[in-house]
Amino acid sequence: MNSNGQIKILFLAANPSDAARLRLGQELRDIRERLQLAKERDRFILESRESVPPGDISQAIFDVEPQVVHFSGHGSNTGELCFEDLLGQHQPVQPDALAALFELVGITVPKRENCTLRL
């Protein structure tokens, strides 16, 4: 939480062109709508980055300084998240690499058994 009590949420979306199309824009709209309807809506700031390549994740985190990072996109059975390469095709990222990045920038990483990955 930042000094004025607001919670910053970073919505990262990747929908590679060589994977099944997802309705990520609709998901982002749904989240915005739910936050707007919340009693304490002024406590939340939602920032989004779409078509995210792995190299942009750290910059987005440094820019936004979120308390919550929400990824919307494809994943694998082994826990990899699929971001986009420079051509818009899937580029898997290991969960350990993301966890190390989050720890480096001070984002608490929940234990893996507390995370959900819907495929």
PDB file of N, CA and C in Angstrom:
ATOM      1  N   MET A   1       0.852  -1.169   0.000  1.00  0.00           N
ATOM      2  CA  MET A   1       0.000   0.000   0.000  1.00  0.00           C
ATOM      3  C   MET A   1       0.899   1.233   0.000  1.00  0.00           C
ATOM      4  N   ASN A   2       0.533   2.250  -0.796  1.00  0.00           N
ATOM      5  CA  ASN A   2       1.383   3.439  -0.814  1.00  0.00           C
ATOM      6  C   ASN A   2       1.013   4.367   0.338  1.00  0.00           C
ATOM      7  N   SER A   3       1.694   5.499   0.434  1.00  0.00           N
ATOM      8  CA  SER A   3       1.570   6.369   1.610  1.00  0.00           C
ATOM      9  C   SER A   3       0.167   6.934   1.799  1.00  0.00           C
ATOM     10  N   ASN A   4      -0.622   7.054   0.744  1.00  0.00           N
ATOM     11  CA  ASN A   4      -1.979   7.580   0.913  1.00  0.00           C
ATOM     12  C   ASN A   4      -3.024   6.473   1.017  1.00  0.00           C
ATOM     13  N   GLY A   5      -2.574   5.235   1.274  1.00  0.00           N
ATOM     14  CA  GLY A   5      -3.494   4.124   1.500  1.00  0.00           C
ATOM     15  C   GLY A   5      -4.061   3.496   0.241  1.00  0.00           C
ATOM     16  N   GLN A   6      -3.600   3.910  -0.919  1.00  0.00           N
ATOM     17  CA  GLN A   6      -4.113   3.336  -2.158  1.00  0.00           C
ATOM     18  C   GLN A   6      -3.341   2.070  -2.526  1.00  0.00           C
ATOM     19  N   ILE A   7      -4.047   1.147  -3.141  1.00  0.00           N
ATOM     20  CA  ILE A   7      -3.468  -0.106  -3.602  1.00  0.00           C
ATOM     21  C   ILE A   7      -3.354  -0.041  -5.113  1.00  0.00           C
ATOM     22  N   LYS A   8      -2.125  -0.184  -5.604  1.00  0.00           N
ATOM     23  CA  LYS A   8      -1.888  -0.161  -7.048  1.00  0.00           C
ATOM     24  C   LYS A   8      -1.887  -1.583  -7.591  1.00  0.00           C
ATOM     25  N   ILE A   9      -2.662  -1.779  -8.646  1.00  0.00           N
ATOM     26  CA  ILE A   9      -2.770  -3.070  -9.304  1.00  0.00           C
ATOM     27  C   ILE A   9      -2.212  -2.920 -10.714  1.00  0.00           C
ATOM     28  N   LEU A  10      -1.292  -3.802 -11.078  1.00  0.00           N
ATOM     29  CA  LEU A  10      -0.746  -3.819 -12.431  1.00  0.00           C
ATOM     30  C   LEU A  10      -1.325  -5.022 -13.157  1.00  0.00           C
ATOM     31  N   PHE A  11      -2.080  -4.758 -14.220  1.00  0.00           N
ATOM     32  CA  PHE A  11      -2.692  -5.786 -15.055  1.00  0.00           C
ATOM     33  C   PHE A  11      -1.789  -5.985 -16.269  1.00  0.00           C
ATOM     34  N   LEU A  12      -1.154  -7.151 -16.350  1.00  0.00           N
ATOM     35  CA  LEU A  12      -0.307  -7.495 -17.484  1.00  0.00           C
ATOM     36  C   LEU A  12      -1.057  -8.474 -18.368  1.00  0.00           C
ATOM     37  N   ALA A  13      -1.126  -8.193 -19.659  1.00  0.00           N
ATOM     38  CA  ALA A  13      -1.854  -9.069 -20.576  1.00  0.00           C
ATOM     39  C   ALA A  13      -0.976  -9.439 -21.761  1.00  0.00           C
ATOM     40  N   ALA A  14      -1.071 -10.695 -22.143  1.00  0.00           N
ATOM     41  CA  ALA A  14      -0.366 -11.168 -23.329  1.00  0.00           C
ATOM     42  C   ALA A  14      -1.267 -12.180 -24.029  1.00  0.00           C
ATOM     43  N   ASN A  15      -1.460 -11.981 -25.311  1.00  0.00           N
ATOM     44  CA  ASN A  15      -2.329 -12.844 -26.105  1.00  0.00           C
ATOM     45  C   ASN A  15      -1.593 -13.168 -27.407  1.00  0.00           C
ATOM     46  N   PRO A  16      -0.577 -14.045 -27.342  1.00  0.00           N
ATOM     47  CA  PRO A  16       0.252 -14.319 -28.509  1.00  0.00           C
ATOM     48  C   PRO A  16      -0.559 -14.732 -29.728  1.00  0.00           C
ATOM     49  N   SER A  17      -0.082 -14.325 -30.897  1.00  0.00           N
ATOM     50  CA  SER A  17      -0.815 -14.591 -32.134  1.00  0.00           C
ATOM     51  C   SER A  17      -0.807 -16.073 -32.511  1.00  0.00           C
ATOM     52  N   ASP A  18       0.128 -16.851 -31.972  1.00  0.00           N
ATOM     53  CA  ASP A  18       0.183 -18.269 -32.297  1.00  0.00           C
ATOM     54  C   ASP A  18      -0.493 -19.142 -31.233  1.00  0.00           C
ATOM     55  N   ALA A  19      -1.359 -18.537 -30.437  1.00  0.00           N
ATOM     56  CA  ALA A  19      -2.116 -19.258 -29.414  1.00  0.00           C
ATOM     57  C   ALA A  19      -3.599 -18.935 -29.589  1.00  0.00           C
ATOM     58  N   ALA A  20      -4.446 -19.706 -28.930  1.00  0.00           N
ATOM     59  CA  ALA A  20      -5.886 -19.454 -28.995  1.00  0.00           C
ATOM     60  C   ALA A  20      -6.178 -18.038 -28.503  1.00  0.00           C
ATOM     61  N   ARG A  21      -7.061 -17.358 -29.188  1.00  0.00           N
ATOM     62  CA  ARG A  21      -7.401 -15.985 -28.821  1.00  0.00           C
ATOM     63  C   ARG A  21      -8.193 -15.964 -27.520  1.00  0.00           C
ATOM     64  N   LEU A  22      -7.843 -15.029 -26.664  1.00  0.00           N
ATOM     65  CA  LEU A  22      -8.529 -14.827 -25.395  1.00  0.00           C
ATOM     66  C   LEU A  22      -9.183 -13.459 -25.398  1.00  0.00           C
ATOM     67  N   ARG A  23     -10.178 -13.271 -24.564  1.00  0.00           N
ATOM     68  CA  ARG A  23     -10.885 -11.986 -24.469  1.00  0.00           C
ATOM     69  C   ARG A  23     -10.303 -11.174 -23.315  1.00  0.00           C
ATOM     70  N   LEU A  24      -9.048 -10.784 -23.461  1.00  0.00           N
ATOM     71  CA  LEU A  24      -8.344 -10.086 -22.384  1.00  0.00           C
ATOM     72  C   LEU A  24      -8.880  -8.679 -22.172  1.00  0.00           C
ATOM     73  N   GLY A  25      -9.302  -8.024 -23.237  1.00  0.00           N
ATOM     74  CA  GLY A  25      -9.900  -6.698 -23.099  1.00  0.00           C
ATOM     75  C   GLY A  25     -11.160  -6.754 -22.265  1.00  0.00           C
ATOM     76  N   GLN A  26     -11.946  -7.784 -22.466  1.00  0.00           N
ATOM     77  CA  GLN A  26     -13.164  -7.960 -21.679  1.00  0.00           C
ATOM     78  C   GLN A  26     -12.832  -8.210 -20.218  1.00  0.00           C
ATOM     79  N   GLU A  27     -11.803  -9.002 -19.964  1.00  0.00           N
ATOM     80  CA  GLU A  27     -11.389  -9.250 -18.576  1.00  0.00           C
ATOM     81  C   GLU A  27     -10.965  -7.951 -17.898  1.00  0.00           C
ATOM     82  N   LEU A  28     -10.197  -7.135 -18.601  1.00  0.00           N
ATOM     83  CA  LEU A  28      -9.766  -5.849 -18.048  1.00  0.00           C
ATOM     84  C   LEU A  28     -10.974  -4.949 -17.778  1.00  0.00           C
ATOM     85  N   ARG A  29     -11.912  -4.908 -18.713  1.00  0.00           N
ATOM     86  CA  ARG A  29     -13.136  -4.109 -18.504  1.00  0.00           C
ATOM     87  C   ARG A  29     -13.913  -4.597 -17.286  1.00  0.00           C
ATOM     88  N   ASP A  30     -14.020  -5.923 -17.131  1.00  0.00           N
ATOM     89  CA  ASP A  30     -14.737  -6.491 -15.985  1.00  0.00           C
ATOM     90  C   ASP A  30     -14.075  -6.095 -14.666  1.00  0.00           C
ATOM     91  N   ILE A  31     -12.761  -6.147 -14.621  1.00  0.00           N
ATOM     92  CA  ILE A  31     -12.048  -5.766 -13.399  1.00  0.00           C
ATOM     93  C   ILE A  31     -12.259  -4.285 -13.105  1.00  0.00           C
ATOM     94  N   ARG A  32     -12.130  -3.442 -14.125  1.00  0.00           N
ATOM     95  CA  ARG A  32     -12.365  -1.999 -13.934  1.00  0.00           C
ATOM     96  C   ARG A  32     -13.777  -1.737 -13.413  1.00  0.00           C
ATOM     97  N   GLU A  33     -14.750  -2.428 -13.994  1.00  0.00           N
ATOM     98  CA  GLU A  33     -16.136  -2.248 -13.576  1.00  0.00           C
ATOM     99  C   GLU A  33     -16.341  -2.653 -12.125  1.00  0.00           C
ATOM    100  N   ARG A  34     -15.789  -3.790 -11.734  1.00  0.00           N
ATOM    101  CA  ARG A  34     -15.933  -4.265 -10.347  1.00  0.00           C
ATOM    102  C   ARG A  34     -15.267  -3.313  -9.365  1.00  0.00           C
ATOM    103  N   LEU A  35     -14.114  -2.807  -9.736  1.00  0.00           N
ATOM    104  CA  LEU A  35     -13.448  -1.843  -8.852  1.00  0.00           C
ATOM    105  C   LEU A  35     -14.264  -0.558  -8.738  1.00  0.00           C
ATOM    106  N   GLN A  36     -14.849  -0.126  -9.838  1.00  0.00           N
ATOM    107  CA  GLN A  36     -15.657   1.102  -9.826  1.00  0.00           C
ATOM    108  C   GLN A  36     -16.901   0.939  -8.959  1.00  0.00           C
ATOM    109  N   LEU A  37     -17.434  -0.277  -8.896  1.00  0.00           N
ATOM    110  CA  LEU A  37     -18.635  -0.534  -8.095  1.00  0.00           C
ATOM    111  C   LEU A  37     -18.328  -0.768  -6.612  1.00  0.00           C
ATOM    112  N   ALA A  38     -17.058  -0.954  -6.283  1.00  0.00           N
ATOM    113  CA  ALA A  38     -16.668  -1.237  -4.900  1.00  0.00           C
ATOM    114  C   ALA A  38     -16.913  -0.024  -4.005  1.00  0.00           C
ATOM    115  N   LYS A  39     -17.271  -0.281  -2.764  1.00  0.00           N
ATOM    116  CA  LYS A  39     -17.496   0.801  -1.803  1.00  0.00           C
ATOM    117  C   LYS A  39     -16.245   1.652  -1.628  1.00  0.00           C
ATOM    118  N   GLU A  40     -15.104   1.022  -1.584  1.00  0.00           N
ATOM    119  CA  GLU A  40     -13.845   1.738  -1.359  1.00  0.00           C
ATOM    120  C   GLU A  40     -13.058   1.867  -2.668  1.00  0.00           C
ATOM    121  N   ARG A  41     -13.759   2.199  -3.748  1.00  0.00           N
ATOM    122  CA  ARG A  41     -13.132   2.272  -5.074  1.00  0.00           C
ATOM    123  C   ARG A  41     -11.977   3.251  -5.154  1.00  0.00           C
ATOM    124  N   ASP A  42     -11.983   4.285  -4.313  1.00  0.00           N
ATOM    125  CA  ASP A  42     -10.910   5.272  -4.352  1.00  0.00           C
ATOM    126  C   ASP A  42      -9.590   4.732  -3.791  1.00  0.00           C
ATOM    127  N   ARG A  43      -9.630   3.558  -3.178  1.00  0.00           N
ATOM    128  CA  ARG A  43      -8.413   2.953  -2.637  1.00  0.00           C
ATOM    129  C   ARG A  43      -7.613   2.214  -3.698  1.00  0.00           C
ATOM    130  N   PHE A  44      -8.199   2.010  -4.897  1.00  0.00           N
ATOM    131  CA  PHE A  44      -7.548   1.188  -5.918  1.00  0.00           C
ATOM    132  C   PHE A  44      -7.174   2.008  -7.141  1.00  0.00           C
ATOM    133  N   ILE A  45      -5.976   1.736  -7.633  1.00  0.00           N
ATOM    134  CA  ILE A  45      -5.509   2.308  -8.893  1.00  0.00           C
ATOM    135  C   ILE A  45      -5.156   1.127  -9.786  1.00  0.00           C
ATOM    136  N   LEU A  46      -5.778   1.053 -10.949  1.00  0.00           N
ATOM    137  CA  LEU A  46      -5.533  -0.040 -11.884  1.00  0.00           C
ATOM    138  C   LEU A  46      -4.791   0.489 -13.098  1.00  0.00           C
ATOM    139  N   GLU A  47      -3.603  -0.048 -13.324  1.00  0.00           N
ATOM    140  CA  GLU A  47      -2.793   0.284 -14.502  1.00  0.00           C
ATOM    141  C   GLU A  47      -2.683  -0.976 -15.340  1.00  0.00           C
ATOM    142  N   SER A  48      -2.679  -0.828 -16.662  1.00  0.00           N
ATOM    143  CA  SER A  48      -2.585  -2.011 -17.510  1.00  0.00           C
ATOM    144  C   SER A  48      -1.494  -1.857 -18.561  1.00  0.00           C
ATOM    145  N   ARG A  49      -0.935  -3.000 -18.928  1.00  0.00           N
ATOM    146  CA  ARG A  49       0.029  -3.098 -20.014  1.00  0.00           C
ATOM    147  C   ARG A  49      -0.388  -4.313 -20.839  1.00  0.00           C
ATOM    148  N   GLU A  50      -0.594  -4.105 -22.138  1.00  0.00           N
ATOM    149  CA  GLU A  50      -1.044  -5.182 -23.009  1.00  0.00           C
ATOM    150  C   GLU A  50       0.079  -5.600 -23.955  1.00  0.00           C
ATOM    151  N   SER A  51      -0.067  -6.805 -24.527  1.00  0.00           N
ATOM    152  CA  SER A  51       0.911  -7.370 -25.465  1.00  0.00           C
ATOM    153  C   SER A  51       2.320  -7.302 -24.887  1.00  0.00           C
ATOM    154  N   VAL A  52       2.448  -7.762 -23.662  1.00  0.00           N
ATOM    155  CA  VAL A  52       3.677  -7.591 -22.898  1.00  0.00           C
ATOM    156  C   VAL A  52       4.750  -8.603 -23.285  1.00  0.00           C
ATOM    157  N   PRO A  53       5.921  -8.106 -23.723  1.00  0.00           N
ATOM    158  CA  PRO A  53       7.074  -9.002 -23.862  1.00  0.00           C
ATOM    159  C   PRO A  53       7.770  -9.120 -22.506  1.00  0.00           C
ATOM    160  N   PRO A  54       8.483 -10.213 -22.270  1.00  0.00           N
ATOM    161  CA  PRO A  54       9.131 -10.398 -20.968  1.00  0.00           C
ATOM    162  C   PRO A  54      10.021  -9.230 -20.554  1.00  0.00           C
ATOM    163  N   GLY A  55      10.702  -8.605 -21.495  1.00  0.00           N
ATOM    164  CA  GLY A  55      11.599  -7.510 -21.160  1.00  0.00           C
ATOM    165  C   GLY A  55      10.905  -6.270 -20.634  1.00  0.00           C
ATOM    166  N   ASP A  56       9.590  -6.161 -20.847  1.00  0.00           N
ATOM    167  CA  ASP A  56       8.844  -4.991 -20.383  1.00  0.00           C
ATOM    168  C   ASP A  56       8.253  -5.158 -18.985  1.00  0.00           C
ATOM    169  N   ILE A  57       8.311  -6.377 -18.448  1.00  0.00           N
ATOM    170  CA  ILE A  57       7.692  -6.622 -17.139  1.00  0.00           C
ATOM    171  C   ILE A  57       8.358  -5.786 -16.058  1.00  0.00           C
ATOM    172  N   SER A  58       9.678  -5.823 -16.000  1.00  0.00           N
ATOM    173  CA  SER A  58      10.368  -5.078 -14.942  1.00  0.00           C
ATOM    174  C   SER A  58      10.148  -3.576 -15.091  1.00  0.00           C
ATOM    175  N   GLN A  59      10.145  -3.066 -16.324  1.00  0.00           N
ATOM    176  CA  GLN A  59       9.914  -1.632 -16.514  1.00  0.00           C
ATOM    177  C   GLN A  59       8.515  -1.237 -16.051  1.00  0.00           C
ATOM    178  N   ALA A  60       7.524  -2.067 -16.351  1.00  0.00           N
ATOM    179  CA  ALA A  60       6.153  -1.791 -15.908  1.00  0.00           C
ATOM    180  C   ALA A  60       6.069  -1.778 -14.387  1.00  0.00           C
ATOM    181  N   ILE A  61       6.769  -2.701 -13.743  1.00  0.00           N
ATOM    182  CA  ILE A  61       6.770  -2.751 -12.273  1.00  0.00           C
ATOM    183  C   ILE A  61       7.446  -1.510 -11.702  1.00  0.00           C
ATOM    184  N   PHE A  62       8.559  -1.096 -12.286  1.00  0.00           N
ATOM    185  CA  PHE A  62       9.242   0.113 -11.806  1.00  0.00           C
ATOM    186  C   PHE A  62       8.390   1.357 -12.039  1.00  0.00           C
ATOM    187  N   ASP A  63       7.677   1.417 -13.162  1.00  0.00           N
ATOM    188  CA  ASP A  63       6.835   2.575 -13.478  1.00  0.00           C
ATOM    189  C   ASP A  63       5.628   2.682 -12.547  1.00  0.00           C
ATOM    190  N   VAL A  64       4.967   1.569 -12.307  1.00  0.00           N
ATOM    191  CA  VAL A  64       3.706   1.565 -11.556  1.00  0.00           C
ATOM    192  C   VAL A  64       3.922   1.397 -10.053  1.00  0.00           C
ATOM    193  N   GLU A  65       4.927   0.636  -9.653  1.00  0.00           N
ATOM    194  CA  GLU A  65       5.174   0.293  -8.252  1.00  0.00           C
ATOM    195  C   GLU A  65       3.931  -0.342  -7.612  1.00  0.00           C
ATOM    196  N   PRO A  66       3.472  -1.461  -8.192  1.00  0.00           N
ATOM    197  CA  PRO A  66       2.226  -2.074  -7.719  1.00  0.00           C
ATOM    198  C   PRO A  66       2.396  -2.895  -6.446  1.00  0.00           C
ATOM    199  N   GLN A  67       1.294  -3.086  -5.749  1.00  0.00           N
ATOM    200  CA  GLN A  67       1.235  -4.034  -4.648  1.00  0.00           C
ATOM    201  C   GLN A  67       0.697  -5.372  -5.149  1.00  0.00           C
ATOM    202  N   VAL A  68      -0.055  -5.324  -6.261  1.00  0.00           N
ATOM    203  CA  VAL A  68      -0.659  -6.513  -6.850  1.00  0.00           C
ATOM    204  C   VAL A  68      -0.306  -6.540  -8.329  1.00  0.00           C
ATOM    205  N   VAL A  69       0.131  -7.717  -8.802  1.00  0.00           N
ATOM    206  CA  VAL A  69       0.366  -7.913 -10.230  1.00  0.00           C
ATOM    207  C   VAL A  69      -0.595  -9.016 -10.681  1.00  0.00           C
ATOM    208  N   HIS A  70      -1.430  -8.691 -11.674  1.00  0.00           N
ATOM    209  CA  HIS A  70      -2.392  -9.646 -12.216  1.00  0.00           C
ATOM    210  C   HIS A  70      -1.975  -9.945 -13.650  1.00  0.00           C
ATOM    211  N   PHE A  71      -1.716 -11.214 -13.963  1.00  0.00           N
ATOM    212  CA  PHE A  71      -1.393 -11.598 -15.336  1.00  0.00           C
ATOM    213  C   PHE A  71      -2.600 -12.265 -15.964  1.00  0.00           C
ATOM    214  N   SER A  72      -2.903 -11.850 -17.174  1.00  0.00           N
ATOM    215  CA  SER A  72      -3.992 -12.452 -17.927  1.00  0.00           C
ATOM    216  C   SER A  72      -3.434 -12.926 -19.255  1.00  0.00           C
ATOM    217  N   GLY A  73      -3.559 -14.209 -19.511  1.00  0.00           N
ATOM    218  CA  GLY A  73      -3.030 -14.766 -20.744  1.00  0.00           C
ATOM    219  C   GLY A  73      -2.929 -16.271 -20.641  1.00  0.00           C
ATOM    220  N   HIS A  74      -2.022 -16.826 -21.423  1.00  0.00           N
ATOM    221  CA  HIS A  74      -1.833 -18.269 -21.486  1.00  0.00           C
ATOM    222  C   HIS A  74      -0.749 -18.715 -20.517  1.00  0.00           C
ATOM    223  N   GLY A  75      -0.851 -19.975 -20.116  1.00  0.00           N
ATOM    224  CA  GLY A  75       0.155 -20.595 -19.282  1.00  0.00           C
ATOM    225  C   GLY A  75       0.327 -22.039 -19.698  1.00  0.00           C
ATOM    226  N   SER A  76       1.292 -22.694 -19.085  1.00  0.00           N
ATOM    227  CA  SER A  76       1.545 -24.097 -19.403  1.00  0.00           C
ATOM    228  C   SER A  76       1.272 -24.970 -18.186  1.00  0.00           C
ATOM    229  N   ASN A  77       1.226 -26.269 -18.419  1.00  0.00           N
ATOM    230  CA  ASN A  77       1.012 -27.220 -17.323  1.00  0.00           C
ATOM    231  C   ASN A  77       2.170 -27.223 -16.336  1.00  0.00           C
ATOM    232  N   THR A  78       3.328 -26.739 -16.755  1.00  0.00           N
ATOM    233  CA  THR A  78       4.508 -26.714 -15.887  1.00  0.00           C
ATOM    234  C   THR A  78       4.645 -25.396 -15.132  1.00  0.00           C
ATOM    235  N   GLY A  79       3.666 -24.498 -15.289  1.00  0.00           N
ATOM    236  CA  GLY A  79       3.675 -23.252 -14.536  1.00  0.00           C
ATOM    237  C   GLY A  79       4.244 -22.055 -15.255  1.00  0.00           C
ATOM    238  N   GLU A  80       4.702 -22.234 -16.490  1.00  0.00           N
ATOM    239  CA  GLU A  80       5.220 -21.100 -17.244  1.00  0.00           C
ATOM    240  C   GLU A  80       4.071 -20.188 -17.659  1.00  0.00           C
ATOM    241  N   LEU A  81       4.338 -18.894 -17.693  1.00  0.00           N
ATOM    242  CA  LEU A  81       3.383 -17.939 -18.251  1.00  0.00           C
ATOM    243  C   LEU A  81       3.875 -17.572 -19.642  1.00  0.00           C
ATOM    244  N   CYS A  82       2.950 -17.427 -20.576  1.00  0.00           N
ATOM    245  CA  CYS A  82       3.321 -17.144 -21.964  1.00  0.00           C
ATOM    246  C   CYS A  82       3.122 -15.662 -22.263  1.00  0.00           C
ATOM    247  N   PHE A  83       4.230 -14.984 -22.417  1.00  0.00           N
ATOM    248  CA  PHE A  83       4.209 -13.582 -22.818  1.00  0.00           C
ATOM    249  C   PHE A  83       4.395 -13.533 -24.329  1.00  0.00           C
ATOM    250  N   GLU A  84       4.645 -12.362 -24.889  1.00  0.00           N
ATOM    251  CA  GLU A  84       4.809 -12.232 -26.333  1.00  0.00           C
ATOM    252  C   GLU A  84       6.227 -11.824 -26.679  1.00  0.00           C
ATOM    253  N   ASP A  85       6.754 -12.414 -27.759  1.00  0.00           N
ATOM    254  CA  ASP A  85       8.060 -11.973 -28.238  1.00  0.00           C
ATOM    255  C   ASP A  85       7.861 -10.771 -29.159  1.00  0.00           C
ATOM    256  N   LEU A  86       8.922 -10.299 -29.787  1.00  0.00           N
ATOM    257  CA  LEU A  86       8.831  -9.104 -30.629  1.00  0.00           C
ATOM    258  C   LEU A  86       7.939  -9.289 -31.852  1.00  0.00           C
ATOM    259  N   LEU A  87       7.689 -10.537 -32.237  1.00  0.00           N
ATOM    260  CA  LEU A  87       6.813 -10.818 -33.378  1.00  0.00           C
ATOM    261  C   LEU A  87       5.386 -11.133 -32.942  1.00  0.00           C
ATOM    262  N   GLY A  88       5.139 -11.059 -31.650  1.00  0.00           N
ATOM    263  CA  GLY A  88       3.794 -11.319 -31.134  1.00  0.00           C
ATOM    264  C   GLY A  88       3.503 -12.782 -30.885  1.00  0.00           C
ATOM    265  N   GLN A  89       4.515 -13.637 -30.983  1.00  0.00           N
ATOM    266  CA  GLN A  89       4.318 -15.063 -30.733  1.00  0.00           C
ATOM    267  C   GLN A  89       4.678 -15.388 -29.287  1.00  0.00           C
ATOM    268  N   HIS A  90       4.213 -16.556 -28.833  1.00  0.00           N
ATOM    269  CA  HIS A  90       4.375 -16.881 -27.411  1.00  0.00           C
ATOM    270  C   HIS A  90       5.840 -17.054 -27.040  1.00  0.00           C
ATOM    271  N   GLN A  91       6.143 -16.539 -25.862  1.00  0.00           N
ATOM    272  CA  GLN A  91       7.472 -16.672 -25.273  1.00  0.00           C
ATOM    273  C   GLN A  91       7.279 -17.038 -23.810  1.00  0.00           C
ATOM    274  N   PRO A  92       7.506 -18.319 -23.466  1.00  0.00           N
ATOM    275  CA  PRO A  92       7.279 -18.754 -22.092  1.00  0.00           C
ATOM    276  C   PRO A  92       8.308 -18.175 -21.118  1.00  0.00           C
ATOM    277  N   VAL A  93       7.844 -17.914 -19.903  1.00  0.00           N
ATOM    278  CA  VAL A  93       8.712 -17.411 -18.840  1.00  0.00           C
ATOM    279  C   VAL A  93       8.535 -18.335 -17.639  1.00  0.00           C
ATOM    280  N   GLN A  94       9.649 -18.783 -17.092  1.00  0.00           N
ATOM    281  CA  GLN A  94       9.637 -19.690 -15.944  1.00  0.00           C
ATOM    282  C   GLN A  94       9.092 -18.990 -14.699  1.00  0.00           C
ATOM    283  N   PRO A  95       8.299 -19.685 -13.898  1.00  0.00           N
ATOM    284  CA  PRO A  95       7.774 -19.081 -12.668  1.00  0.00           C
ATOM    285  C   PRO A  95       8.876 -18.639 -11.710  1.00  0.00           C
ATOM    286  N   ASP A  96       9.970 -19.378 -11.654  1.00  0.00           N
ATOM    287  CA  ASP A  96      11.072 -18.993 -10.764  1.00  0.00           C
ATOM    288  C   ASP A  96      11.689 -17.667 -11.182  1.00  0.00           C
ATOM    289  N   ALA A  97      11.750 -17.406 -12.495  1.00  0.00           N
ATOM    290  CA  ALA A  97      12.294 -16.139 -12.983  1.00  0.00           C
ATOM    291  C   ALA A  97      11.380 -14.981 -12.588  1.00  0.00           C
ATOM    292  N   LEU A  98      10.081 -15.187 -12.700  1.00  0.00           N
ATOM    293  CA  LEU A  98       9.137 -14.139 -12.281  1.00  0.00           C
ATOM    294  C   LEU A  98       9.203 -13.915 -10.773  1.00  0.00           C
ATOM    295  N   ALA A  99       9.270 -14.999 -10.018  1.00  0.00           N
ATOM    296  CA  ALA A  99       9.348 -14.878  -8.558  1.00  0.00           C
ATOM    297  C   ALA A  99      10.607 -14.116  -8.154  1.00  0.00           C
ATOM    298  N   ALA A 100      11.730 -14.401  -8.812  1.00  0.00           N
ATOM    299  CA  ALA A 100      12.978 -13.696  -8.499  1.00  0.00           C
ATOM    300  C   ALA A 100      12.853 -12.206  -8.820  1.00  0.00           C
ATOM    301  N   LEU A 101      12.218 -11.890  -9.950  1.00  0.00           N
ATOM    302  CA  LEU A 101      12.006 -10.490 -10.309  1.00  0.00           C
ATOM    303  C   LEU A 101      11.119  -9.801  -9.273  1.00  0.00           C
ATOM    304  N   PHE A 102      10.029 -10.437  -8.883  1.00  0.00           N
ATOM    305  CA  PHE A 102       9.120  -9.842  -7.902  1.00  0.00           C
ATOM    306  C   PHE A 102       9.823  -9.616  -6.572  1.00  0.00           C
ATOM    307  N   GLU A 103      10.609 -10.578  -6.136  1.00  0.00           N
ATOM    308  CA  GLU A 103      11.336 -10.418  -4.879  1.00  0.00           C
ATOM    309  C   GLU A 103      12.357  -9.295  -4.981  1.00  0.00           C
ATOM    310  N   LEU A 104      13.002  -9.175  -6.122  1.00  0.00           N
ATOM    311  CA  LEU A 104      13.993  -8.127  -6.344  1.00  0.00           C
ATOM    312  C   LEU A 104      13.386  -6.731  -6.194  1.00  0.00           C
ATOM    313  N   VAL A 105      12.148  -6.568  -6.667  1.00  0.00           N
ATOM    314  CA  VAL A 105      11.505  -5.250  -6.607  1.00  0.00           C
ATOM    315  C   VAL A 105      10.600  -5.095  -5.386  1.00  0.00           C
ATOM    316  N   GLY A 106      10.588  -6.105  -4.501  1.00  0.00           N
ATOM    317  CA  GLY A 106       9.862  -5.968  -3.247  1.00  0.00           C
ATOM    318  C   GLY A 106       8.403  -6.357  -3.278  1.00  0.00           C
ATOM    319  N   ILE A 107       7.993  -7.161  -4.249  1.00  0.00           N
ATOM    320  CA  ILE A 107       6.618  -7.658  -4.287  1.00  0.00           C
ATOM    321  C   ILE A 107       6.598  -9.023  -3.615  1.00  0.00           C
ATOM    322  N   THR A 108       5.725  -9.207  -2.641  1.00  0.00           N
ATOM    323  CA  THR A 108       5.620 -10.467  -1.931  1.00  0.00           C
ATOM    324  C   THR A 108       5.080 -11.534  -2.867  1.00  0.00           C
ATOM    325  N   VAL A 109       5.774 -12.648  -2.909  1.00  0.00           N
ATOM    326  CA  VAL A 109       5.365 -13.754  -3.766  1.00  0.00           C
ATOM    327  C   VAL A 109       4.709 -14.810  -2.895  1.00  0.00           C
ATOM    328  N   PRO A 110       3.414 -15.117  -3.137  1.00  0.00           N
ATOM    329  CA  PRO A 110       2.762 -16.155  -2.340  1.00  0.00           C
ATOM    330  C   PRO A 110       3.368 -17.517  -2.642  1.00  0.00           C
ATOM    331  N   LYS A 111       3.229 -18.425  -1.708  1.00  0.00           N
ATOM    332  CA  LYS A 111       3.710 -19.783  -1.935  1.00  0.00           C
ATOM    333  C   LYS A 111       2.953 -20.367  -3.119  1.00  0.00           C
ATOM    334  N   ARG A 112       3.614 -21.180  -3.870  1.00  0.00           N
ATOM    335  CA  ARG A 112       3.051 -21.723  -5.103  1.00  0.00           C
ATOM    336  C   ARG A 112       1.703 -22.413  -4.857  1.00  0.00           C
ATOM    337  N   GLU A 113       1.546 -23.102  -3.739  1.00  0.00           N
ATOM    338  CA  GLU A 113       0.280 -23.802  -3.487  1.00  0.00           C
ATOM    339  C   GLU A 113      -0.871 -22.826  -3.251  1.00  0.00           C
ATOM    340  N   ASN A 114      -0.570 -21.565  -2.989  1.00  0.00           N
ATOM    341  CA  ASN A 114      -1.604 -20.552  -2.797  1.00  0.00           C
ATOM    342  C   ASN A 114      -1.953 -19.805  -4.075  1.00  0.00           C
ATOM    343  N   CYS A 115      -1.244 -20.115  -5.156  1.00  0.00           N
ATOM    344  CA  CYS A 115      -1.496 -19.465  -6.437  1.00  0.00           C
ATOM    345  C   CYS A 115      -2.419 -20.330  -7.281  1.00  0.00           C
ATOM    346  N   THR A 116      -3.177 -19.700  -8.117  1.00  0.00           N
ATOM    347  CA  THR A 116      -4.022 -20.447  -9.033  1.00  0.00           C
ATOM    348  C   THR A 116      -3.603 -20.143 -10.444  1.00  0.00           C
ATOM    349  N   LEU A 117      -3.559 -21.161 -11.254  1.00  0.00           N
ATOM    350  CA  LEU A 117      -3.252 -21.026 -12.657  1.00  0.00           C
ATOM    351  C   LEU A 117      -4.352 -21.743 -13.408  1.00  0.00           C
ATOM    352  N   ARG A 118      -5.174 -20.995 -14.080  1.00  0.00           N
ATOM    353  CA  ARG A 118      -6.265 -21.581 -14.848  1.00  0.00           C
ATOM    354  C   ARG A 118      -5.831 -21.698 -16.289  1.00  0.00           C
ATOM    355  N   LEU A 119      -5.890 -22.892 -16.827  1.00  0.00           N
ATOM    356  CA  LEU A 119      -5.503 -23.128 -18.217  1.00  0.00           C
ATOM    357  C   LEU A 119      -6.730 -23.322 -19.072  1.00  0.00           C
TER     358      LEU A 119
END
